[in-house]
C-alpha atoms as a PDB file:
ATOM      1  CA  MET A   1     269.576 145.062  20.701  1.00  0.00           C
ATOM      2  CA  ASN A   2     271.442 142.690  17.975  1.00  0.00           C
ATOM      3  CA  PHE A   3     268.035 140.748  17.091  1.00  0.00           C
ATOM      4  CA  ILE A   4     267.036 144.742  15.815  1.00  0.00           C
ATOM      5  CA  SER A   5     270.127 145.573  14.402  1.00  0.00           C
ATOM      6  CA  GLU A   6     269.565 142.208  12.052  1.00  0.00           C
ATOM      7  CA  LEU A   7     266.373 143.250  10.605  1.00  0.00           C
ATOM      8  CA  VAL A   8     267.397 146.706   9.605  1.00  0.00           C
ATOM      9  CA  PRO A   9     268.305 145.352   6.047  1.00  0.00           C
ATOM     10  CA  GLU A  10     265.086 143.865   5.545  1.00  0.00           C
ATOM     11  CA  ILE A  11     262.712 146.376   6.959  1.00  0.00           C
ATOM     12  CA  ARG A  12     264.511 149.038   4.775  1.00  0.00           C
ATOM     13  CA  ALA A  13     263.762 147.048   1.732  1.00  0.00           C
ATOM     14  CA  LEU A  14     260.138 146.448   2.358  1.00  0.00           C
ATOM     15  CA  LEU A  15     260.105 150.312   3.505  1.00  0.00           C
ATOM     16  CA  ASP A  16     261.664 151.041   0.100  1.00  0.00           C
ATOM     17  CA  ALA A  17     259.637 148.461  -2.351  1.00  0.00           C
ATOM     18  CA  ASP A  18     257.583 150.807  -4.714  1.00  0.00           C
ATOM     19  CA  LEU A  19     254.596 148.536  -3.973  1.00  0.00           C
ATOM     20  CA  PRO A  20     254.879 146.631  -0.480  1.00  0.00           C
ATOM     21  CA  SER A  21     252.569 144.020   0.454  1.00  0.00           C
ATOM     22  CA  ALA A  22     249.889 143.839   3.269  1.00  0.00           C
ATOM     23  CA  ARG A  23     251.839 141.181   4.676  1.00  0.00           C
ATOM     24  CA  ASP A  24     254.888 143.362   4.626  1.00  0.00           C
ATOM     25  CA  ASN A  25     252.957 146.691   6.252  1.00  0.00           C
ATOM     26  CA  CYS A  26     251.619 143.950   8.304  1.00  0.00           C
ATOM     27  CA  ALA A  27     254.915 142.722  10.134  1.00  0.00           C
ATOM     28  CA  ILE A  28     256.156 146.531   9.958  1.00  0.00           C
ATOM     29  CA  GLU A  29     252.952 147.644  11.909  1.00  0.00           C
ATOM     30  CA  VAL A  30     254.464 144.960  14.365  1.00  0.00           C
ATOM     31  CA  LEU A  31     257.954 145.710  14.499  1.00  0.00           C
ATOM     32  CA  ARG A  32     256.813 149.184  15.357  1.00  0.00           C
ATOM     33  CA  ALA A  33     254.640 147.954  17.967  1.00  0.00           C
ATOM     34  CA  THR A  34     257.371 145.991  19.253  1.00  0.00           C
ATOM     35  CA  TRP A  35     258.943 148.522  19.371  1.00  0.00           C
ATOM     36  CA  SER A  36     257.768 151.193  21.301  1.00  0.00           C
ATOM     37  CA  PHE A  37     256.717 148.273  24.059  1.00  0.00           C
ATOM     38  CA  ILE A  38     260.355 147.976  24.408  1.00  0.00           C
ATOM     39  CA  GLU A  39     260.761 151.571  24.620  1.00  0.00           C
ATOM     40  CA  ASP A  40     257.878 153.098  26.129  1.00  0.00           C
ATOM     41  CA  VAL A  41     255.809 150.319  28.576  1.00  0.00           C
ATOM     42  CA  THR A  42     257.200 150.233  32.364  1.00  0.00           C
ATOM     43  CA  ASP A  43     256.888 147.621  34.948  1.00  0.00           C
ATOM     44  CA  ASP A  44     254.697 149.894  37.147  1.00  0.00           C
ATOM     45  CA  ASP A  45     252.357 150.189  33.809  1.00  0.00           C
ATOM     46  CA  PRO A  46     248.874 149.646  35.071  1.00  0.00           C
ATOM     47  CA  GLU A  47     248.197 148.614  31.644  1.00  0.00           C
ATOM     48  CA  ARG A  48     251.265 146.514  31.077  1.00  0.00           C
ATOM     49  CA  THR A  49     249.476 143.381  30.848  1.00  0.00           C
ATOM     50  CA  ASN A  50     247.189 144.523  28.450  1.00  0.00           C
ATOM     51  CA  LYS A  51     249.127 146.013  26.210  1.00  0.00           C
ATOM     52  CA  PHE A  52     251.552 142.609  26.377  1.00  0.00           C
ATOM     53  CA  PHE A  53     248.690 140.519  25.026  1.00  0.00           C
ATOM     54  CA  ALA A  54     247.226 142.798  22.155  1.00  0.00           C
ATOM     55  CA  LEU A  55     250.290 142.898  20.750  1.00  0.00           C
ATOM     56  CA  ARG A  56     250.855 138.321  21.357  1.00  0.00           C
ATOM     57  CA  ALA A  57     248.171 138.803  19.297  1.00  0.00           C
ATOM     58  CA  GLN A  58     249.201 140.876  16.841  1.00  0.00           C
ATOM     59  CA  VAL A  59     252.240 138.680  16.770  1.00  0.00           C
ATOM     60  CA  ARG A  60     250.128 135.669  15.757  1.00  0.00           C
ATOM     61  CA  SER A  61     248.452 137.001  13.474  1.00  0.00           C
ATOM     62  CA  VAL A  62     250.903 137.989  11.341  1.00  0.00           C
ATOM     63  CA  LEU A  63     252.489 135.102  11.718  1.00  0.00           C
ATOM     64  CA  TRP A  64     249.485 133.109  10.350  1.00  0.00           C
ATOM     65  CA  HIS A  65     249.625 135.493   7.758  1.00  0.00           C
ATOM     66  CA  LEU A  66     253.709 134.498   6.664  1.00  0.00           C
ATOM     67  CA  ASP A  67     252.941 130.466   6.222  1.00  0.00           C
ATOM     68  CA  GLU A  68     249.617 130.695   4.984  1.00  0.00           C
ATOM     69  CA  PRO A  69     248.742 130.057   1.311  1.00  0.00           C
ATOM     70  CA  ALA A  70     246.948 132.902  -0.422  1.00  0.00           C
ATOM     71  CA  LEU A  71     243.788 132.625  -0.613  1.00  0.00           C
ATOM     72  CA  PRO A  72     241.515 132.083  -4.624  1.00  0.00           C
ATOM     73  CA  VAL A  73     239.913 135.484  -5.027  1.00  0.00           C
ATOM     74  CA  ILE A  74     237.149 133.484  -6.374  1.00  0.00           C
ATOM     75  CA  TYR A  75     234.587 132.125  -3.787  1.00  0.00           C
ATOM     76  CA  ARG A  76     232.330 129.087  -4.528  1.00  0.00           C
ATOM     77  CA  THR A  77     231.127 127.442  -1.556  1.00  0.00           C
ATOM     78  CA  SER A  78     231.185 123.292  -1.790  1.00  0.00           C
ATOM     79  CA  TRP A  79     227.333 122.984  -0.875  1.00  0.00           C
ATOM     80  CA  ASP A  80     225.397 121.061  -2.557  1.00  0.00           C
ATOM     81  CA  TYR A  81     221.625 120.582  -2.127  1.00  0.00           C
ATOM     82  CA  HIS A  82     221.422 116.764  -3.720  1.00  0.00           C
ATOM     83  CA  GLU A  83     224.824 115.929  -1.669  1.00  0.00           C
ATOM     84  CA  HIS A  84     224.168 118.265   1.698  1.00  0.00           C
ATOM     85  CA  GLY A  85     220.573 118.871   1.929  1.00  0.00           C
ATOM     86  CA  ALA A  86     218.877 122.411   2.694  1.00  0.00           C
ATOM     87  CA  HIS A  87     221.160 124.685   3.235  1.00  0.00           C
ATOM     88  CA  GLN A  88     221.972 125.122   7.289  1.00  0.00           C
ATOM     89  CA  PHE A  89     221.478 129.185   7.143  1.00  0.00           C
ATOM     90  CA  PHE A  90     219.823 130.262   3.690  1.00  0.00           C
ATOM     91  CA  ARG A  91     216.054 127.590   4.261  1.00  0.00           C
ATOM     92  CA  LEU A  92     214.153 126.209   1.880  1.00  0.00           C
ATOM     93  CA  THR A  93     211.013 127.764   3.068  1.00  0.00           C
ATOM     94  CA  ASP A  94     211.957 131.195   2.595  1.00  0.00           C
ATOM     95  CA  TRP A  95     212.856 130.832  -1.010  1.00  0.00           C
ATOM     96  CA  ARG A  96     209.906 129.013  -1.789  1.00  0.00           C
ATOM     97  CA  SER A  97     208.241 132.117  -0.135  1.00  0.00           C
ATOM     98  CA  ILE A  98     210.429 134.265  -2.784  1.00  0.00           C
ATOM     99  CA  VAL A  99     209.670 132.574  -5.321  1.00  0.00           C
ATOM    100  CA  ALA A 100     205.748 132.382  -4.781  1.00  0.00           C
ATOM    101  CA  SER A 101     205.846 136.089  -4.809  1.00  0.00           C
ATOM    102  CA  ASP A 102     207.719 136.222  -8.375  1.00  0.00           C
ATOM    103  CA  ASP A 103     210.694 137.811  -6.516  1.00  0.00           C
ATOM    104  CA  THR A 104     213.228 135.350  -8.265  1.00  0.00           C
ATOM    105  CA  VAL A 105     213.722 132.978 -10.714  1.00  0.00           C
ATOM    106  CA  LEU A 106     216.598 131.354  -9.080  1.00  0.00           C
ATOM    107  CA  SER A 107     216.411 127.385  -8.520  1.00  0.00           C
ATOM    108  CA  TYR A 108     217.078 126.811  -4.867  1.00  0.00           C
ATOM    109  CA  GLN A 109     220.608 125.393  -5.516  1.00  0.00           C
ATOM    110  CA  GLU A 110     221.008 129.215  -7.251  1.00  0.00           C
ATOM    111  CA  TRP A 111     219.511 130.990  -5.287  1.00  0.00           C
ATOM    112  CA  VAL A 112     221.573 130.221  -1.974  1.00  0.00           C
ATOM    113  CA  GLU A 113     224.824 130.544  -4.187  1.00  0.00           C
ATOM    114  CA  HIS A 114     223.569 133.864  -4.747  1.00  0.00           C
ATOM    115  CA  GLN A 115     223.005 134.729  -1.361  1.00  0.00           C
ATOM    116  CA  LEU A 116     226.261 133.331   0.000  1.00  0.00           C
ATOM    117  CA  GLU A 117     227.973 136.079  -2.823  1.00  0.00           C
ATOM    118  CA  LEU A 118     225.885 139.013  -1.470  1.00  0.00           C
ATOM    119  CA  LEU A 119     226.488 137.731   2.379  1.00  0.00           C
ATOM    120  CA  LEU A 120     229.890 137.964   1.726  1.00  0.00           C
ATOM    121  CA  SER A 121     230.440 140.819  -0.012  1.00  0.00           C
ATOM    122  CA  GLY A 122     227.863 142.991   2.366  1.00  0.00           C
ATOM    123  CA  ILE A 123     229.790 142.002   5.631  1.00  0.00           C
ATOM    124  CA  CYS A 124     231.280 145.026   7.469  1.00  0.00           C
ATOM    125  CA  LEU A 125     234.510 144.475   8.643  1.00  0.00           C
ATOM    126  CA  ASP A 126     235.198 147.419   9.966  1.00  0.00           C
ATOM    127  CA  GLY A 127     237.135 146.888  13.451  1.00  0.00           C
ATOM    128  CA  VAL A 128     236.775 143.235  12.965  1.00  0.00           C
ATOM    129  CA  ASP A 129     240.394 141.512  13.902  1.00  0.00           C
ATOM    130  CA  ALA A 130     239.591 138.194  13.962  1.00  0.00           C
ATOM    131  CA  ILE A 131     237.084 135.571  12.018  1.00  0.00           C
ATOM    132  CA  GLU A 132     236.457 132.463  14.150  1.00  0.00           C
ATOM    133  CA  LEU A 133     234.450 129.275  13.201  1.00  0.00           C
ATOM    134  CA  ALA A 134     233.077 127.012  15.270  1.00  0.00           C
ATOM    135  CA  GLY A 135     230.929 123.259  15.784  1.00  0.00           C
ATOM    136  CA  CYS A 136     227.153 124.360  17.432  1.00  0.00           C
ATOM    137  CA  THR A 137     224.324 122.419  18.281  1.00  0.00           C
ATOM    138  CA  GLU A 138     220.931 124.132  18.812  1.00  0.00           C
ATOM    139  CA  ALA A 139     217.698 123.808  20.866  1.00  0.00           C
ATOM    140  CA  ASP A 140     215.283 125.898  21.530  1.00  0.00           C
ATOM    141  CA  GLY A 141     216.492 128.783  19.910  1.00  0.00           C
ATOM    142  CA  VAL A 142     219.447 128.327  21.814  1.00  0.00           C
ATOM    143  CA  VAL A 143     222.426 127.712  19.761  1.00  0.00           C
ATOM    144  CA  ASP A 144     226.009 126.287  22.227  1.00  0.00           C
ATOM    145  CA  VAL A 145     229.148 126.125  20.824  1.00  0.00           C
ATOM    146  CA  ILE A 146     230.956 122.317  21.025  1.00  0.00           C
ATOM    147  CA  VAL A 147     233.494 119.842  20.292  1.00  0.00           C
ATOM    148  CA  GLU A 148     233.200 119.388  16.598  1.00  0.00           C
ATOM    149  CA  SER A 149     232.962 115.576  16.885  1.00  0.00           C
ATOM    150  CA  ASP A 150     229.630 116.966  18.413  1.00  0.00           C
ATOM    151  CA  ALA A 151     228.840 119.793  16.156  1.00  0.00           C
ATOM    152  CA  GLU A 152     225.234 119.506  14.047  1.00  0.00           C
ATOM    153  CA  PHE A 153     226.597 122.592  11.963  1.00  0.00           C
ATOM    154  CA  PHE A 154     229.344 125.053  11.515  1.00  0.00           C
ATOM    155  CA  SER A 155     229.210 128.545  11.702  1.00  0.00           C
ATOM    156  CA  VAL A 156     231.152 131.391  10.889  1.00  0.00           C
ATOM    157  CA  TYR A 157     231.974 134.466  13.411  1.00  0.00           C
ATOM    158  CA  THR A 158     233.334 138.229  13.722  1.00  0.00           C
ATOM    159  CA  HIS A 159     235.166 139.218  16.396  1.00  0.00           C
ATOM    160  CA  ARG A 160     235.796 142.730  17.563  1.00  0.00           C
ATOM    161  CA  PRO A 161     237.971 143.625  20.795  1.00  0.00           C
ATOM    162  CA  ASN A 162     235.751 144.476  23.550  1.00  0.00           C
ATOM    163  CA  GLU A 163     232.266 143.641  21.387  1.00  0.00           C
ATOM    164  CA  GLY A 164     232.940 139.981  21.471  1.00  0.00           C
ATOM    165  CA  VAL A 165     231.498 137.933  18.460  1.00  0.00           C
ATOM    166  CA  GLN A 166     228.881 138.190  15.743  1.00  0.00           C
ATOM    167  CA  CYS A 167     227.600 135.517  14.009  1.00  0.00           C
ATOM    168  CA  GLU A 168     227.777 136.126  10.253  1.00  0.00           C
ATOM    169  CA  CYS A 169     226.719 132.576   8.932  1.00  0.00           C
ATOM    170  CA  ASP A 170     225.854 129.275  10.033  1.00  0.00           C
ATOM    171  CA  PHE A 171     226.833 125.814   7.760  1.00  0.00           C
ATOM    172  CA  ASN A 172     226.344 122.539   7.124  1.00  0.00           C
ATOM    173  CA  THR A 173     229.757 121.445   7.447  1.00  0.00           C
ATOM    174  CA  LYS A 174     232.743 122.285   8.379  1.00  0.00           C
ATOM    175  CA  ASP A 175     234.298 122.583   4.466  1.00  0.00           C
ATOM    176  CA  GLN A 176     231.595 124.878   3.665  1.00  0.00           C
ATOM    177  CA  ALA A 177     232.226 126.962   6.688  1.00  0.00           C
ATOM    178  CA  LEU A 178     235.647 127.274   6.608  1.00  0.00           C
ATOM    179  CA  GLU A 179     235.630 128.237   2.638  1.00  0.00           C
ATOM    180  CA  PHE A 180     233.436 131.169   3.966  1.00  0.00           C
ATOM    181  CA  ALA A 181     235.721 131.856   6.425  1.00  0.00           C
ATOM    182  CA  ARG A 182     239.241 131.848   4.595  1.00  0.00           C
ATOM    183  CA  ALA A 183     237.320 133.875   1.372  1.00  0.00           C
ATOM    184  CA  LEU A 184     236.007 136.684   4.282  1.00  0.00           C
ATOM    185  CA  ALA A 185     239.558 136.805   5.688  1.00  0.00           C
ATOM    186  CA  ALA A 186     240.748 137.885   2.690  1.00  0.00           C
ATOM    187  CA  ARG A 187     239.171 141.044   1.839  1.00  0.00           C
ATOM    188  CA  THR A 188     241.638 142.287   4.633  1.00  0.00           C
ATOM    189  CA  GLU A 189     243.686 139.466   5.479  1.00  0.00           C
ATOM    190  CA  ILE A 190     242.374 138.942   8.780  1.00  0.00           C
ATOM    191  CA  ALA A 191     243.303 135.175  10.557  1.00  0.00           C
ATOM    192  CA  VAL A 192     240.814 133.231  10.770  1.00  0.00           C
ATOM    193  CA  TYR A 193     240.505 130.744  14.181  1.00  0.00           C
ATOM    194  CA  GLY A 194     238.733 127.445  15.486  1.00  0.00           C
ATOM    195  CA  ASN A 195     236.562 127.799  18.071  1.00  0.00           C
ATOM    196  CA  LEU A 196     237.070 124.117  19.859  1.00  0.00           C
ATOM    197  CA  CYS A 197     237.487 123.222  16.232  1.00  0.00           C
ATOM    198  CA  SER A 198     240.787 122.265  13.890  1.00  0.00           C
ATOM    199  CA  ILE A 199     241.756 124.021  10.552  1.00  0.00           C
ATOM    200  CA  TYR A 200     244.193 122.571   8.628  1.00  0.00           C
ATOM    201  CA  SER A 201     245.869 124.103   5.622  1.00  0.00           C
ATOM    202  CA  SER A 202     248.779 123.347   3.510  1.00  0.00           C
ATOM    203  CA  MET A 203     251.267 125.064   5.488  1.00  0.00           C
ATOM    204  CA  ILE A 204     250.068 125.750   8.787  1.00  0.00           C
ATOM    205  CA  PHE A 205     247.592 123.678  11.649  1.00  0.00           C
ATOM    206  CA  LEU A 206     246.104 125.904  13.828  1.00  0.00           C
ATOM    207  CA  PHE A 207     244.375 124.792  17.588  1.00  0.00           C
ATOM    208  CA  ALA A 208     242.703 127.960  18.697  1.00  0.00           C
ATOM    209  CA  PRO A 209     240.300 127.581  21.908  1.00  0.00           C
ATOM    210  CA  TYR A 210     241.444 130.400  23.515  1.00  0.00           C
ATOM    211  CA  PHE A 211     239.228 132.709  21.890  1.00  0.00           C
ATOM    212  CA  SER A 212     235.862 133.975  23.887  1.00  0.00           C
ATOM    213  CA  PHE A 213     233.004 133.871  23.027  1.00  0.00           C
ATOM    214  CA  ALA A 214     231.846 136.421  25.556  1.00  0.00           C
END
């Protein structure tokens, strides 16, 4: 009760703000969820464990956003054809086919950048609670998530509770994947996690191998 009492002035200030930020709103929702758990969830509740882990994930997300600096609004990939070779996801052969059919006059570099921008704005985030980054290999059409040091490419996944993950795009390097993941997450302030990958920023180091790809 002392803890809750100490937070009351801060909570009131946030609620009285004319334009509370999305981060503030998330913090308020976590406080409400925490109080609801304390008040309503009993020891014999069969869903007690599931409710606790759901609350823990919510708290982790808010704490991540409190430390993470604001992300740039404009996304621009660091991928460069001359430096990195053909893009892992948007193939050179696909671009050539489109050029041959007179559907674009863009260079391969420009076409890939345009495709990434379209993809970034077109991905549906309804129900997504996290963006995940993973190092991968592919053999005979089968993709495996592996440790970062052995990865051949890096993939960005959206995660939905009870549904697992969906790959949204593959990238040549981890930096390129992280650029895209953070720009995607910034649309609704979703947390970005590393699956067998370390993720650095100026404010936080996050290593989250506990996320399942099931």
